[in-house]
Amino acid sequence: MHPVIVYTASRAGLLIVSLGVLYILGLRQPLVLLIAAFLVSGVASYVLLSKQRDAVSERIAKNRE
C-alpha cells in the first residue's frame, strides 16, 4: 500500500482514538476536546509513526529523482 495513505490513515486513527479517550476522561466541550485531541495525537504520531514518516519521506525523495 502507498506509504502516504498508510501514514494519513494512521494519523486519522490516532486522532479518533485521542478524541475517544479524552471524551471518556471527561472533556465534554467540543472545541476544547478537539484542540486537546489534535495536540495529543500530534505528539503520539511523532513518537509512534516514525517508521511510516520515514517511508513517506523516502518515497517522496525517490519520486523527485
Protein backbone atom coordinates (compact mmCIF):
# COMPACT_ATOMS: atom_id res chain seq x y z
CA MET A 1 0.00 0.00 0.00
CA HIS A 2 1.16 3.55 -0.69
CA PRO A 3 3.10 4.95 2.32
CA VAL A 4 1.26 8.29 2.23
CA ILE A 5 -2.11 6.54 2.55
CA VAL A 6 -0.86 4.40 5.43
CA TYR A 7 0.58 7.42 7.25
CA THR A 8 -2.54 9.54 6.73
CA ALA A 9 -4.85 6.74 7.87
CA SER A 10 -2.67 6.17 10.93
CA ARG A 11 -2.78 9.88 11.81
CA ALA A 12 -6.57 9.92 11.42
CA GLY A 13 -6.84 6.80 13.58
CA LEU A 14 -4.74 8.38 16.31
CA LEU A 15 -6.94 11.47 16.23
CA ILE A 16 -10.11 9.39 16.59
CA VAL A 17 -8.61 7.35 19.44
CA SER A 18 -7.47 10.56 21.16
CA LEU A 19 -10.95 12.03 20.82
CA GLY A 20 -12.49 8.93 22.36
CA VAL A 21 -10.04 8.68 25.24
CA LEU A 22 -10.28 12.37 26.12
CA TYR A 23 -14.08 12.20 25.97
CA ILE A 24 -14.10 9.23 28.33
CA LEU A 25 -11.73 11.11 30.65
CA GLY A 26 -14.27 13.92 30.93
CA LEU A 27 -13.56 16.55 28.28
CA ARG A 28 -17.03 17.43 27.07
CA GLN A 29 -16.66 20.88 25.50
CA PRO A 30 -16.34 20.27 21.73
CA LEU A 31 -13.74 22.94 20.97
CA VAL A 32 -11.51 22.07 23.93
CA LEU A 33 -11.88 18.36 23.13
CA LEU A 34 -10.88 18.89 19.51
CA ILE A 35 -7.86 21.04 20.32
CA ALA A 36 -6.65 18.65 23.02
CA ALA A 37 -7.14 15.66 20.71
CA PHE A 38 -5.10 17.35 17.96
CA LEU A 39 -2.28 18.05 20.42
CA VAL A 40 -2.29 14.54 21.90
CA SER A 41 -2.48 12.83 18.51
CA GLY A 42 0.29 15.06 17.17
CA VAL A 43 2.66 14.07 19.95
CA ALA A 44 1.62 10.42 19.68
CA SER A 45 2.16 10.39 15.92
CA TYR A 46 5.60 11.95 16.34
CA VAL A 47 6.58 9.12 18.68
CA LEU A 48 4.65 6.18 17.22
CA LEU A 49 4.71 6.81 13.47
CA SER A 50 8.39 7.48 12.81
CA LYS A 51 8.71 4.37 10.64
CA GLN A 52 5.77 5.41 8.45
CA ARG A 53 7.05 9.00 8.27
CA ASP A 54 10.45 7.75 7.10
CA ALA A 55 8.78 5.62 4.43
CA VAL A 56 6.83 8.64 3.16
CA SER A 57 9.92 10.85 3.00
CA GLU A 58 11.86 8.08 1.25
CA ARG A 59 9.08 7.68 -1.31
CA ILE A 60 8.95 11.44 -1.94
CA ALA A 61 12.72 11.68 -2.33
CA LYS A 62 12.70 8.70 -4.69
CA ASN A 63 9.99 10.30 -6.84
CA ARG A 64 11.88 13.61 -7.03
CA GLU A 65 14.92 11.95 -8.56
